[in-house]
């Protein structure tokens, strides 16, 4: 009984001390599994940090002084830092092109691939859909995958490194619908998984063996 109680305490302690990242007053902070907080940036223009699967790097958005086209919002670039804060560099800048698939503007919703080697993100594109892109972190090369309005990454299981994306589709007979689809990393649609983000998240948790 006592052993079980101690094991439970240790389990909760491990969860409580998991490494994390957060933004405060426009700066990025890393909190290690020892509970010690470390400030990684200090320009007061950074937001939405995410920690890599291996826990060694942080990707975040950094506001520029440039406004996005037809918007009052400032553009954001993607930056990366190691957890020491000593190596901070830009990953991806905004880019404008006549082809919306090649345009990178109002970048949002960035997510690491399951293996941490790539970064998926959305760029504002069409009237009813954003554009889903992927960035290879080793080479710095980026390309368009498909239209999407949300993206989730399946971390493990049968569909590890596959994506669940929200898509707006038009019917041939008229009308339209919004569904979440399971797709390959290359953008091939496999099947519908839900009508809203809660159903999509449940699908991902189930694939990963979580409740």
N, C-alpha and C. Protein backbone atom coordinates (compact mmCIF):
# COMPACT_ATOMS: atom_id res chain seq x y z
N UNK A 1 0.83 -1.20 0.00
CA UNK A 1 0.00 0.00 0.00
C UNK A 1 0.87 1.25 0.00
N UNK A 2 1.87 1.25 0.88
CA UNK A 2 2.76 2.40 0.96
C UNK A 2 3.56 2.55 -0.32
N UNK A 3 3.99 1.41 -0.90
CA UNK A 3 4.75 1.45 -2.15
C UNK A 3 3.90 2.06 -3.27
N UNK A 4 2.61 1.64 -3.31
CA UNK A 4 1.71 2.17 -4.34
C UNK A 4 1.52 3.66 -4.19
N UNK A 5 1.41 4.13 -2.94
CA UNK A 5 1.23 5.56 -2.69
C UNK A 5 2.46 6.34 -3.15
N UNK A 6 3.65 5.84 -2.83
CA UNK A 6 4.88 6.52 -3.23
C UNK A 6 5.03 6.55 -4.74
N UNK A 7 4.64 5.45 -5.40
CA UNK A 7 4.72 5.40 -6.86
C UNK A 7 3.80 6.44 -7.47
N UNK A 8 2.61 6.59 -6.89
CA UNK A 8 1.66 7.58 -7.39
C UNK A 8 2.20 8.99 -7.21
N UNK A 9 2.83 9.26 -6.08
CA UNK A 9 3.43 10.57 -5.83
C UNK A 9 4.51 10.87 -6.86
N UNK A 10 5.36 9.88 -7.14
CA UNK A 10 6.43 10.07 -8.11
C UNK A 10 5.89 10.31 -9.50
N UNK A 11 4.81 9.61 -9.85
CA UNK A 11 4.21 9.79 -11.17
C UNK A 11 3.68 11.21 -11.32
N UNK A 12 3.00 11.70 -10.31
CA UNK A 12 2.48 13.06 -10.37
C UNK A 12 3.60 14.09 -10.38
N UNK A 13 4.66 13.82 -9.67
CA UNK A 13 5.81 14.74 -9.65
C UNK A 13 6.43 14.81 -11.02
N UNK A 14 6.52 13.67 -11.70
CA UNK A 14 7.10 13.65 -13.04
C UNK A 14 6.29 14.47 -14.02
N UNK A 15 4.95 14.35 -13.90
CA UNK A 15 4.08 15.12 -14.78
C UNK A 15 4.20 16.60 -14.49
N UNK A 16 4.24 16.94 -13.20
CA UNK A 16 4.29 18.34 -12.80
C UNK A 16 5.58 19.00 -13.26
N UNK A 17 6.67 18.23 -13.34
CA UNK A 17 7.96 18.81 -13.66
C UNK A 17 8.37 18.64 -15.12
N UNK A 18 7.42 18.27 -15.99
CA UNK A 18 7.74 18.14 -17.40
C UNK A 18 8.18 19.49 -17.95
N UNK A 19 9.20 19.49 -18.80
CA UNK A 19 9.70 20.73 -19.40
C UNK A 19 8.60 21.40 -20.22
N UNK A 20 8.61 22.73 -20.25
CA UNK A 20 7.59 23.47 -20.98
C UNK A 20 8.14 24.81 -21.46
N UNK A 21 7.40 25.45 -22.35
CA UNK A 21 7.77 26.78 -22.83
C UNK A 21 6.53 27.67 -22.77
N UNK A 22 6.74 28.96 -22.58
CA UNK A 22 5.63 29.89 -22.58
C UNK A 22 6.12 31.28 -22.96
N UNK A 23 5.16 32.13 -23.28
CA UNK A 23 5.46 33.53 -23.61
C UNK A 23 5.00 34.44 -22.48
N UNK A 24 5.81 35.42 -22.16
CA UNK A 24 5.45 36.40 -21.14
C UNK A 24 5.94 37.76 -21.59
N UNK A 25 5.00 38.70 -21.74
CA UNK A 25 5.32 40.07 -22.16
C UNK A 25 6.13 40.09 -23.46
N UNK A 26 5.80 39.18 -24.38
CA UNK A 26 6.47 39.17 -25.67
C UNK A 26 7.82 38.49 -25.69
N UNK A 27 8.20 37.85 -24.60
CA UNK A 27 9.47 37.11 -24.53
C UNK A 27 9.19 35.63 -24.30
N UNK A 28 10.13 34.79 -24.72
CA UNK A 28 9.97 33.35 -24.62
C UNK A 28 10.76 32.81 -23.43
N UNK A 29 10.12 31.95 -22.65
CA UNK A 29 10.74 31.35 -21.48
C UNK A 29 10.67 29.82 -21.59
N UNK A 30 11.74 29.19 -21.12
CA UNK A 30 11.80 27.73 -21.05
C UNK A 30 11.87 27.32 -19.59
N UNK A 31 11.05 26.37 -19.19
CA UNK A 31 11.09 25.85 -17.82
C UNK A 31 11.50 24.39 -17.90
N UNK A 32 12.67 24.07 -17.34
CA UNK A 32 13.19 22.71 -17.41
C UNK A 32 12.47 21.77 -16.47
N UNK A 33 12.78 20.48 -16.59
CA UNK A 33 12.13 19.50 -15.71
C UNK A 33 12.57 19.65 -14.26
N UNK A 34 13.59 20.51 -14.04
CA UNK A 34 13.99 20.82 -12.66
C UNK A 34 13.20 21.99 -12.09
N UNK A 35 12.30 22.56 -12.91
CA UNK A 35 11.47 23.67 -12.45
C UNK A 35 12.12 25.03 -12.60
N UNK A 36 13.36 25.08 -13.11
CA UNK A 36 14.07 26.35 -13.26
C UNK A 36 13.66 27.02 -14.57
N UNK A 37 13.29 28.30 -14.49
CA UNK A 37 12.86 29.06 -15.66
C UNK A 37 14.05 29.79 -16.28
N UNK A 38 14.12 29.76 -17.61
CA UNK A 38 15.20 30.43 -18.33
C UNK A 38 14.61 31.29 -19.44
N UNK A 39 14.98 32.57 -19.50
CA UNK A 39 14.50 33.46 -20.54
C UNK A 39 15.34 33.27 -21.80
N UNK A 40 14.66 32.99 -22.93
CA UNK A 40 15.37 32.72 -24.18
C UNK A 40 15.45 33.93 -25.10
N UNK A 41 14.45 34.81 -25.06
CA UNK A 41 14.45 35.99 -25.93
C UNK A 41 14.08 37.22 -25.12
N UNK A 42 14.38 38.41 -25.67
CA UNK A 42 14.16 39.64 -24.90
C UNK A 42 13.68 40.81 -25.75
N UNK A 43 13.20 40.56 -26.97
CA UNK A 43 12.79 41.64 -27.87
C UNK A 43 11.35 42.08 -27.66
N UNK A 44 10.60 41.35 -26.85
CA UNK A 44 9.20 41.67 -26.55
C UNK A 44 8.32 41.63 -27.80
N UNK A 45 8.66 40.76 -28.74
CA UNK A 45 7.88 40.66 -29.98
C UNK A 45 7.62 39.20 -30.37
N UNK A 46 7.77 38.29 -29.42
CA UNK A 46 7.68 36.86 -29.71
C UNK A 46 6.42 36.24 -29.10
N UNK A 47 5.95 35.15 -29.72
CA UNK A 47 4.70 34.53 -29.26
C UNK A 47 4.60 33.08 -29.69
N UNK A 48 3.68 32.38 -29.07
CA UNK A 48 3.28 31.01 -29.42
C UNK A 48 4.45 30.03 -29.56
N UNK A 49 5.25 29.88 -28.51
CA UNK A 49 6.37 28.93 -28.57
C UNK A 49 5.90 27.49 -28.49
N UNK A 50 6.60 26.59 -29.18
CA UNK A 50 6.35 25.16 -29.06
C UNK A 50 7.69 24.46 -28.86
N UNK A 51 7.67 23.40 -28.07
CA UNK A 51 8.89 22.65 -27.75
C UNK A 51 9.00 21.45 -28.67
N UNK A 52 10.19 21.20 -29.19
CA UNK A 52 10.41 20.07 -30.09
C UNK A 52 10.21 18.74 -29.36
N UNK A 53 9.91 17.66 -30.10
CA UNK A 53 9.70 16.35 -29.46
C UNK A 53 10.87 15.89 -28.60
N UNK A 54 12.11 16.26 -28.98
CA UNK A 54 13.26 15.85 -28.17
C UNK A 54 13.55 16.81 -27.03
N UNK A 55 12.76 17.90 -26.95
CA UNK A 55 12.90 18.84 -25.84
C UNK A 55 14.12 19.73 -25.90
N UNK A 56 14.76 19.84 -27.06
CA UNK A 56 16.01 20.59 -27.14
C UNK A 56 15.89 21.93 -27.85
N UNK A 57 14.84 22.14 -28.62
CA UNK A 57 14.68 23.39 -29.36
C UNK A 57 13.26 23.93 -29.22
N UNK A 58 13.14 25.23 -29.46
CA UNK A 58 11.86 25.92 -29.35
C UNK A 58 11.62 26.71 -30.63
N UNK A 59 10.45 26.57 -31.21
CA UNK A 59 10.05 27.37 -32.37
C UNK A 59 8.98 28.35 -31.92
N UNK A 60 9.06 29.59 -32.40
CA UNK A 60 8.10 30.61 -32.00
C UNK A 60 7.93 31.61 -33.12
N UNK A 61 6.89 32.43 -33.01
CA UNK A 61 6.66 33.49 -33.99
C UNK A 61 7.24 34.80 -33.49
N UNK A 62 7.79 35.57 -34.42
CA UNK A 62 8.34 36.89 -34.07
C UNK A 62 7.70 37.94 -34.97
N UNK A 63 7.06 38.92 -34.36
CA UNK A 63 6.40 39.98 -35.12
C UNK A 63 7.42 40.88 -35.81
N UNK A 64 7.10 41.26 -37.03
CA UNK A 64 7.93 42.21 -37.77
C UNK A 64 7.27 43.58 -37.70
N UNK A 65 7.85 44.56 -38.38
CA UNK A 65 7.25 45.89 -38.43
C UNK A 65 6.34 46.05 -39.64
N UNK A 66 6.24 45.00 -40.44
CA UNK A 66 5.48 45.05 -41.67
C UNK A 66 4.06 44.53 -41.46
N UNK A 67 3.08 45.27 -41.96
CA UNK A 67 1.70 44.82 -41.87
C UNK A 67 1.40 43.83 -42.99
N UNK A 68 0.56 42.86 -42.68
CA UNK A 68 0.14 41.90 -43.69
C UNK A 68 -0.77 42.58 -44.70
N UNK A 69 -0.78 42.12 -45.95
CA UNK A 69 -1.64 42.73 -46.98
C UNK A 69 -3.11 42.73 -46.56
N UNK A 70 -3.77 43.86 -46.76
CA UNK A 70 -5.19 43.99 -46.45
C UNK A 70 -5.50 43.65 -45.00
N UNK A 71 -4.59 43.98 -44.12
CA UNK A 71 -4.78 43.67 -42.70
C UNK A 71 -4.04 44.69 -41.84
N UNK A 72 -4.52 44.86 -40.62
CA UNK A 72 -3.84 45.71 -39.66
C UNK A 72 -2.87 44.91 -38.80
N UNK A 73 -2.85 43.60 -38.98
CA UNK A 73 -1.97 42.74 -38.20
C UNK A 73 -0.55 42.77 -38.75
N UNK A 74 0.43 42.71 -37.84
CA UNK A 74 1.82 42.64 -38.25
C UNK A 74 2.16 41.23 -38.70
N UNK A 75 3.02 41.14 -39.71
CA UNK A 75 3.49 39.84 -40.16
C UNK A 75 4.33 39.19 -39.06
N UNK A 76 4.37 37.87 -39.07
CA UNK A 76 5.22 37.12 -38.15
C UNK A 76 6.14 36.19 -38.93
N UNK A 77 7.37 36.12 -38.48
CA UNK A 77 8.33 35.17 -39.02
C UNK A 77 8.49 34.03 -38.03
N UNK A 78 8.99 32.90 -38.51
CA UNK A 78 9.27 31.78 -37.63
C UNK A 78 10.73 31.79 -37.22
N UNK A 79 10.96 31.66 -35.92
CA UNK A 79 12.31 31.64 -35.36
C UNK A 79 12.49 30.37 -34.54
N UNK A 80 13.76 30.00 -34.33
CA UNK A 80 14.08 28.81 -33.55
C UNK A 80 15.19 29.13 -32.57
N UNK A 81 15.13 28.55 -31.39
CA UNK A 81 16.16 28.74 -30.37
C UNK A 81 16.45 27.41 -29.69
N UNK A 82 17.68 27.23 -29.26
CA UNK A 82 17.96 26.07 -28.41
C UNK A 82 17.54 26.43 -26.99
N UNK A 83 17.43 25.44 -26.12
CA UNK A 83 16.88 25.69 -24.79
C UNK A 83 17.84 26.46 -23.89
N UNK A 84 19.07 26.68 -24.34
CA UNK A 84 19.99 27.53 -23.58
C UNK A 84 19.78 29.00 -23.90
N UNK A 85 19.15 29.27 -25.05
CA UNK A 85 18.94 30.64 -25.49
C UNK A 85 20.15 31.26 -26.16
N UNK A 86 21.22 30.49 -26.32
CA UNK A 86 22.45 31.01 -26.91
C UNK A 86 22.41 31.01 -28.43
N UNK A 87 21.61 30.11 -29.01
CA UNK A 87 21.50 30.03 -30.46
C UNK A 87 20.06 30.33 -30.87
N UNK A 88 19.85 31.53 -31.38
CA UNK A 88 18.53 31.97 -31.82
C UNK A 88 18.66 32.45 -33.26
N UNK A 89 17.85 31.90 -34.15
CA UNK A 89 17.96 32.30 -35.56
C UNK A 89 16.59 32.23 -36.24
N UNK A 90 16.51 32.95 -37.35
CA UNK A 90 15.26 32.94 -38.12
C UNK A 90 15.16 31.68 -38.96
N UNK A 91 13.98 31.08 -38.95
CA UNK A 91 13.72 29.90 -39.76
C UNK A 91 13.06 30.25 -41.08
N UNK A 92 12.11 31.17 -41.03
CA UNK A 92 11.28 31.42 -42.21
C UNK A 92 10.76 32.85 -42.19
N UNK A 93 10.90 33.54 -43.33
CA UNK A 93 10.42 34.91 -43.47
C UNK A 93 9.16 34.93 -44.32
N UNK A 94 8.42 36.03 -44.27
CA UNK A 94 7.26 36.18 -45.13
C UNK A 94 7.71 36.29 -46.59
N UNK A 95 6.81 35.92 -47.48
CA UNK A 95 7.12 35.95 -48.91
C UNK A 95 5.82 36.12 -49.68
N UNK A 96 5.84 37.00 -50.68
CA UNK A 96 4.63 37.26 -51.46
C UNK A 96 4.83 36.80 -52.90
N UNK A 97 3.79 36.20 -53.46
CA UNK A 97 3.85 35.68 -54.81
C UNK A 97 2.45 35.72 -55.42
N UNK A 98 2.37 35.82 -56.75
CA UNK A 98 1.07 35.80 -57.40
C UNK A 98 0.36 34.47 -57.15
N UNK A 99 1.13 33.41 -57.06
CA UNK A 99 0.56 32.10 -56.73
C UNK A 99 0.41 31.99 -55.22
N UNK A 100 -0.81 31.85 -54.74
CA UNK A 100 -1.04 31.83 -53.30
C UNK A 100 -0.41 30.62 -52.62
N UNK A 101 -0.17 29.54 -53.38
CA UNK A 101 0.51 28.37 -52.82
C UNK A 101 1.96 28.68 -52.46
N UNK A 102 2.51 29.73 -53.08
CA UNK A 102 3.90 30.10 -52.82
C UNK A 102 4.02 31.29 -51.87
N UNK A 103 2.89 31.87 -51.50
CA UNK A 103 2.89 33.02 -50.62
C UNK A 103 2.97 32.58 -49.16
N UNK A 104 3.77 33.29 -48.38
CA UNK A 104 3.89 33.03 -46.94
C UNK A 104 3.52 34.31 -46.21
N UNK A 105 2.31 34.36 -45.69
CA UNK A 105 1.84 35.55 -45.01
C UNK A 105 0.93 35.18 -43.84
N UNK A 106 0.97 35.97 -42.78
CA UNK A 106 0.19 35.71 -41.57
C UNK A 106 0.33 34.25 -41.14
N UNK A 107 1.58 33.82 -41.04
CA UNK A 107 1.92 32.44 -40.68
C UNK A 107 1.33 32.10 -39.31
N UNK A 108 0.73 30.92 -39.21
CA UNK A 108 0.07 30.54 -37.96
C UNK A 108 0.03 29.03 -37.79
N UNK A 109 -0.30 28.60 -36.58
CA UNK A 109 -0.58 27.19 -36.27
C UNK A 109 0.58 26.26 -36.62
N UNK A 110 1.77 26.59 -36.16
CA UNK A 110 2.93 25.75 -36.47
C UNK A 110 3.01 24.56 -35.52
N UNK A 111 3.41 23.41 -36.08
CA UNK A 111 3.49 22.17 -35.32
C UNK A 111 4.71 21.36 -35.79
N UNK A 112 5.42 20.77 -34.84
CA UNK A 112 6.51 19.86 -35.20
C UNK A 112 5.95 18.56 -35.75
N UNK A 113 6.68 17.95 -36.68
CA UNK A 113 6.37 16.59 -37.08
C UNK A 113 6.67 15.67 -35.91
N UNK A 114 6.19 14.44 -35.97
CA UNK A 114 6.37 13.50 -34.86
C UNK A 114 7.84 13.25 -34.55
N UNK A 115 8.69 13.24 -35.59
CA UNK A 115 10.12 13.00 -35.38
C UNK A 115 10.91 14.28 -35.15
N UNK A 116 10.25 15.44 -35.20
CA UNK A 116 10.91 16.71 -34.93
C UNK A 116 11.77 17.22 -36.05
N UNK A 117 11.74 16.57 -37.21
CA UNK A 117 12.61 16.97 -38.32
C UNK A 117 11.97 18.01 -39.24
N UNK A 118 10.66 18.14 -39.14
CA UNK A 118 9.94 19.08 -39.99
C UNK A 118 8.99 19.92 -39.17
N UNK A 119 8.57 21.02 -39.79
CA UNK A 119 7.63 21.92 -39.13
C UNK A 119 6.48 22.19 -40.09
N UNK A 120 5.27 21.90 -39.65
CA UNK A 120 4.08 22.20 -40.44
C UNK A 120 3.51 23.54 -39.98
N UNK A 121 2.96 24.29 -40.92
CA UNK A 121 2.36 25.57 -40.55
C UNK A 121 1.35 25.99 -41.61
N UNK A 122 0.49 26.95 -41.23
CA UNK A 122 -0.50 27.49 -42.15
C UNK A 122 -0.13 28.90 -42.55
N UNK A 123 -0.48 29.24 -43.79
CA UNK A 123 -0.31 30.59 -44.31
C UNK A 123 -1.66 31.05 -44.86
N UNK A 124 -2.03 32.29 -44.58
CA UNK A 124 -3.30 32.80 -45.10
C UNK A 124 -3.25 32.80 -46.63
N UNK A 125 -4.32 32.29 -47.25
CA UNK A 125 -4.30 32.16 -48.71
C UNK A 125 -5.64 32.57 -49.33
N UNK A 126 -6.57 31.63 -49.43
CA UNK A 126 -7.82 31.87 -50.14
C UNK A 126 -8.91 32.37 -49.20
N UNK A 127 -10.06 32.71 -49.78
CA UNK A 127 -11.15 33.29 -48.99
C UNK A 127 -11.64 32.34 -47.91
N UNK A 128 -11.68 31.03 -48.20
CA UNK A 128 -12.23 30.07 -47.24
C UNK A 128 -11.21 29.06 -46.74
N UNK A 129 -9.96 29.17 -47.18
CA UNK A 129 -8.95 28.19 -46.77
C UNK A 129 -7.58 28.82 -46.63
N UNK A 130 -6.84 28.36 -45.64
CA UNK A 130 -5.43 28.66 -45.54
C UNK A 130 -4.65 27.64 -46.37
N UNK A 131 -3.35 27.84 -46.47
CA UNK A 131 -2.48 26.91 -47.18
C UNK A 131 -1.57 26.22 -46.17
N UNK A 132 -1.52 24.90 -46.22
CA UNK A 132 -0.65 24.13 -45.35
C UNK A 132 0.70 23.92 -46.02
N UNK A 133 1.76 24.28 -45.30
CA UNK A 133 3.13 24.13 -45.79
C UNK A 133 3.93 23.27 -44.82
N UNK A 134 5.07 22.77 -45.29
CA UNK A 134 6.00 22.05 -44.43
C UNK A 134 7.39 22.61 -44.66
N UNK A 135 8.15 22.75 -43.58
CA UNK A 135 9.52 23.24 -43.62
C UNK A 135 10.45 22.16 -43.10
N UNK A 136 11.44 21.78 -43.91
CA UNK A 136 12.45 20.82 -43.47
C UNK A 136 13.48 21.58 -42.64
N UNK A 137 13.65 21.22 -41.39
CA UNK A 137 14.50 21.98 -40.49
C UNK A 137 15.98 21.83 -40.80
N UNK A 138 16.38 20.72 -41.40
CA UNK A 138 17.79 20.51 -41.72
C UNK A 138 18.22 21.31 -42.94
N UNK A 139 17.40 21.29 -43.98
CA UNK A 139 17.77 21.95 -45.24
C UNK A 139 17.23 23.37 -45.35
N UNK A 140 16.18 23.68 -44.59
CA UNK A 140 15.56 25.00 -44.69
C UNK A 140 14.60 25.12 -45.86
N UNK A 141 14.37 24.01 -46.58
CA UNK A 141 13.47 24.04 -47.74
C UNK A 141 12.02 23.91 -47.29
N UNK A 142 11.16 24.65 -47.97
CA UNK A 142 9.73 24.68 -47.63
C UNK A 142 8.91 24.43 -48.87
N UNK A 143 7.75 23.78 -48.71
CA UNK A 143 6.85 23.64 -49.85
C UNK A 143 5.40 23.50 -49.39
N UNK A 144 4.51 23.78 -50.31
CA UNK A 144 3.07 23.71 -50.08
C UNK A 144 2.61 22.26 -50.12
N UNK A 145 1.65 21.93 -49.24
CA UNK A 145 1.10 20.58 -49.21
C UNK A 145 -0.33 20.55 -49.73
N UNK A 146 -1.23 21.31 -49.07
CA UNK A 146 -2.64 21.28 -49.44
C UNK A 146 -3.35 22.45 -48.77
N UNK A 147 -4.62 22.63 -49.11
CA UNK A 147 -5.43 23.64 -48.43
C UNK A 147 -5.88 23.08 -47.08
N UNK A 148 -5.93 23.93 -46.06
CA UNK A 148 -6.33 23.49 -44.72
C UNK A 148 -6.59 24.70 -43.84
N UNK A 149 -7.42 24.50 -42.83
CA UNK A 149 -7.71 25.57 -41.88
C UNK A 149 -7.32 25.24 -40.45
N UNK A 150 -6.81 24.05 -40.24
CA UNK A 150 -6.29 23.63 -38.94
C UNK A 150 -5.41 22.42 -39.21
N UNK A 151 -4.47 22.15 -38.32
CA UNK A 151 -3.60 20.98 -38.51
C UNK A 151 -3.24 20.38 -37.16
N UNK A 152 -3.35 19.07 -37.07
CA UNK A 152 -2.91 18.29 -35.92
C UNK A 152 -1.96 17.23 -36.43
N UNK A 153 -0.97 16.87 -35.62
CA UNK A 153 0.01 15.85 -36.00
C UNK A 153 -0.22 14.61 -35.14
N UNK A 154 -0.31 13.45 -35.79
CA UNK A 154 -0.42 12.19 -35.06
C UNK A 154 0.98 11.78 -34.62
N UNK A 155 1.21 11.71 -33.31
CA UNK A 155 2.55 11.51 -32.79
C UNK A 155 3.07 10.08 -32.84
N UNK A 156 2.18 9.11 -32.75
CA UNK A 156 2.61 7.71 -32.76
C UNK A 156 1.44 6.82 -33.15
N UNK A 157 1.72 5.51 -33.27
CA UNK A 157 0.69 4.57 -33.67
C UNK A 157 0.73 4.28 -35.16
N UNK A 158 -0.32 3.65 -35.65
CA UNK A 158 -0.40 3.25 -37.06
C UNK A 158 -0.19 4.42 -38.00
N UNK A 159 -0.73 5.57 -37.63
CA UNK A 159 -0.65 6.75 -38.50
C UNK A 159 0.35 7.78 -37.98
N UNK A 160 1.40 7.33 -37.34
CA UNK A 160 2.43 8.25 -36.83
C UNK A 160 2.94 9.15 -37.94
N UNK A 161 3.02 10.44 -37.64
CA UNK A 161 3.50 11.49 -38.54
C UNK A 161 2.51 11.82 -39.66
N UNK A 162 1.33 11.21 -39.63
CA UNK A 162 0.27 11.66 -40.52
C UNK A 162 -0.37 12.91 -39.92
N UNK A 163 -1.21 13.56 -40.69
CA UNK A 163 -1.81 14.82 -40.26
C UNK A 163 -3.32 14.72 -40.26
N UNK A 164 -3.93 15.48 -39.39
CA UNK A 164 -5.38 15.66 -39.41
C UNK A 164 -5.62 17.14 -39.67
N UNK A 165 -6.31 17.44 -40.76
CA UNK A 165 -6.49 18.83 -41.17
C UNK A 165 -7.96 19.15 -41.40
N UNK A 166 -8.32 20.41 -41.16
CA UNK A 166 -9.67 20.88 -41.45
C UNK A 166 -9.72 21.35 -42.89
N UNK A 167 -10.70 20.87 -43.64
CA UNK A 167 -10.83 21.25 -45.05
C UNK A 167 -12.24 21.77 -45.34
N UNK A 168 -12.29 22.82 -46.15
CA UNK A 168 -13.56 23.35 -46.63
C UNK A 168 -13.75 22.84 -48.05
N UNK A 169 -14.82 22.08 -48.27
CA UNK A 169 -15.05 21.47 -49.58
C UNK A 169 -16.40 21.91 -50.15
N UNK A 170 -16.40 22.07 -51.48
CA UNK A 170 -17.63 22.41 -52.19
C UNK A 170 -18.23 21.16 -52.83
N UNK A 171 -19.56 21.08 -52.83
CA UNK A 171 -20.25 19.97 -53.47
C UNK A 171 -20.54 20.32 -54.93
N UNK A 172 -20.48 19.32 -55.80
CA UNK A 172 -20.78 19.54 -57.22
C UNK A 172 -22.21 20.03 -57.41
N UNK A 173 -23.11 19.55 -56.57
CA UNK A 173 -24.52 19.94 -56.70
C UNK A 173 -24.82 21.28 -56.02
N UNK A 174 -23.78 21.88 -55.42
CA UNK A 174 -23.96 23.13 -54.71
C UNK A 174 -23.80 22.97 -53.21
N UNK A 175 -23.45 24.04 -52.55
CA UNK A 175 -23.23 23.99 -51.12
C UNK A 175 -21.80 23.60 -50.78
N UNK A 176 -21.52 23.56 -49.49
CA UNK A 176 -20.16 23.23 -49.04
C UNK A 176 -20.22 22.62 -47.64
N UNK A 177 -19.08 22.13 -47.19
CA UNK A 177 -19.00 21.53 -45.85
C UNK A 177 -17.60 21.69 -45.30
N UNK A 178 -17.48 21.54 -43.98
CA UNK A 178 -16.18 21.59 -43.31
C UNK A 178 -16.00 20.30 -42.52
N UNK A 179 -14.94 19.57 -42.82
CA UNK A 179 -14.64 18.32 -42.12
C UNK A 179 -13.15 18.25 -41.81
N UNK A 180 -12.82 17.46 -40.81
CA UNK A 180 -11.42 17.13 -40.54
C UNK A 180 -11.09 15.82 -41.27
N UNK A 181 -9.95 15.83 -41.94
CA UNK A 181 -9.50 14.68 -42.73
C UNK A 181 -8.15 14.19 -42.24
N UNK A 182 -7.99 12.88 -42.26
CA UNK A 182 -6.67 12.27 -42.06
C UNK A 182 -5.97 12.27 -43.41
N UNK A 183 -4.75 12.83 -43.46
CA UNK A 183 -3.99 12.87 -44.70
C UNK A 183 -2.56 12.39 -44.47
N UNK A 184 -1.90 12.00 -45.54
CA UNK A 184 -0.49 11.63 -45.46
C UNK A 184 0.35 12.90 -45.35
N UNK A 185 1.63 12.78 -44.99
CA UNK A 185 2.49 13.96 -44.94
C UNK A 185 2.61 14.67 -46.29
N UNK A 186 2.28 13.95 -47.37
CA UNK A 186 2.33 14.53 -48.71
C UNK A 186 1.00 15.18 -49.12
N UNK A 187 -0.03 15.03 -48.29
CA UNK A 187 -1.31 15.68 -48.56
C UNK A 187 -2.39 14.79 -49.12
N UNK A 188 -2.14 13.50 -49.30
CA UNK A 188 -3.16 12.59 -49.83
C UNK A 188 -4.22 12.32 -48.77
N UNK A 189 -5.48 12.51 -49.15
CA UNK A 189 -6.58 12.29 -48.22
C UNK A 189 -6.82 10.79 -48.01
N UNK A 190 -6.96 10.39 -46.74
CA UNK A 190 -7.22 8.99 -46.42
C UNK A 190 -8.69 8.79 -46.04
N UNK A 191 -9.18 9.59 -45.07
CA UNK A 191 -10.59 9.49 -44.71
C UNK A 191 -10.99 10.63 -43.78
N UNK A 192 -12.30 10.84 -43.68
CA UNK A 192 -12.83 11.82 -42.75
C UNK A 192 -12.69 11.30 -41.32
N UNK A 193 -12.44 12.21 -40.38
CA UNK A 193 -12.33 11.78 -38.98
C UNK A 193 -13.25 12.56 -38.04
N UNK A 194 -13.88 13.63 -38.52
CA UNK A 194 -14.76 14.37 -37.63
C UNK A 194 -15.24 15.67 -38.22
N UNK A 195 -16.26 16.24 -37.57
CA UNK A 195 -16.83 17.49 -38.03
C UNK A 195 -16.27 18.71 -37.31
N UNK A 196 -15.61 18.51 -36.16
CA UNK A 196 -15.09 19.65 -35.42
C UNK A 196 -13.76 19.28 -34.77
N UNK A 197 -13.13 20.27 -34.12
CA UNK A 197 -11.80 20.05 -33.57
C UNK A 197 -11.80 19.07 -32.41
N UNK A 198 -12.90 18.98 -31.66
CA UNK A 198 -12.95 18.03 -30.55
C UNK A 198 -12.94 16.59 -31.07
N UNK A 199 -13.69 16.33 -32.12
CA UNK A 199 -13.68 14.99 -32.72
C UNK A 199 -12.31 14.68 -33.32
N UNK A 200 -11.69 15.69 -33.93
CA UNK A 200 -10.36 15.50 -34.50
C UNK A 200 -9.33 15.18 -33.42
N UNK A 201 -9.40 15.89 -32.30
CA UNK A 201 -8.47 15.65 -31.20
C UNK A 201 -8.68 14.27 -30.59
N UNK A 202 -9.93 13.86 -30.47
CA UNK A 202 -10.22 12.52 -29.94
C UNK A 202 -9.63 11.44 -30.85
N UNK A 203 -9.75 11.65 -32.15
CA UNK A 203 -9.18 10.69 -33.11
C UNK A 203 -7.68 10.59 -32.93
N UNK A 204 -7.00 11.74 -32.81
CA UNK A 204 -5.55 11.74 -32.64
C UNK A 204 -5.16 11.04 -31.34
N UNK A 205 -5.86 11.35 -30.24
CA UNK A 205 -5.56 10.71 -28.96
C UNK A 205 -5.74 9.20 -29.04
N UNK A 206 -6.79 8.77 -29.73
CA UNK A 206 -7.04 7.33 -29.88
C UNK A 206 -5.91 6.66 -30.65
N UNK A 207 -5.45 7.30 -31.72
CA UNK A 207 -4.36 6.74 -32.51
C UNK A 207 -3.07 6.65 -31.69
N UNK A 208 -2.89 7.59 -30.78
CA UNK A 208 -1.69 7.62 -29.95
C UNK A 208 -1.82 6.77 -28.69
N UNK A 209 -2.96 6.11 -28.54
CA UNK A 209 -3.17 5.25 -27.37
C UNK A 209 -3.51 6.00 -26.12
N UNK A 210 -4.04 7.23 -26.27
CA UNK A 210 -4.42 8.05 -25.13
C UNK A 210 -5.94 8.12 -25.04
N UNK A 211 -6.43 8.46 -23.85
CA UNK A 211 -7.87 8.62 -23.67
C UNK A 211 -8.28 10.06 -23.92
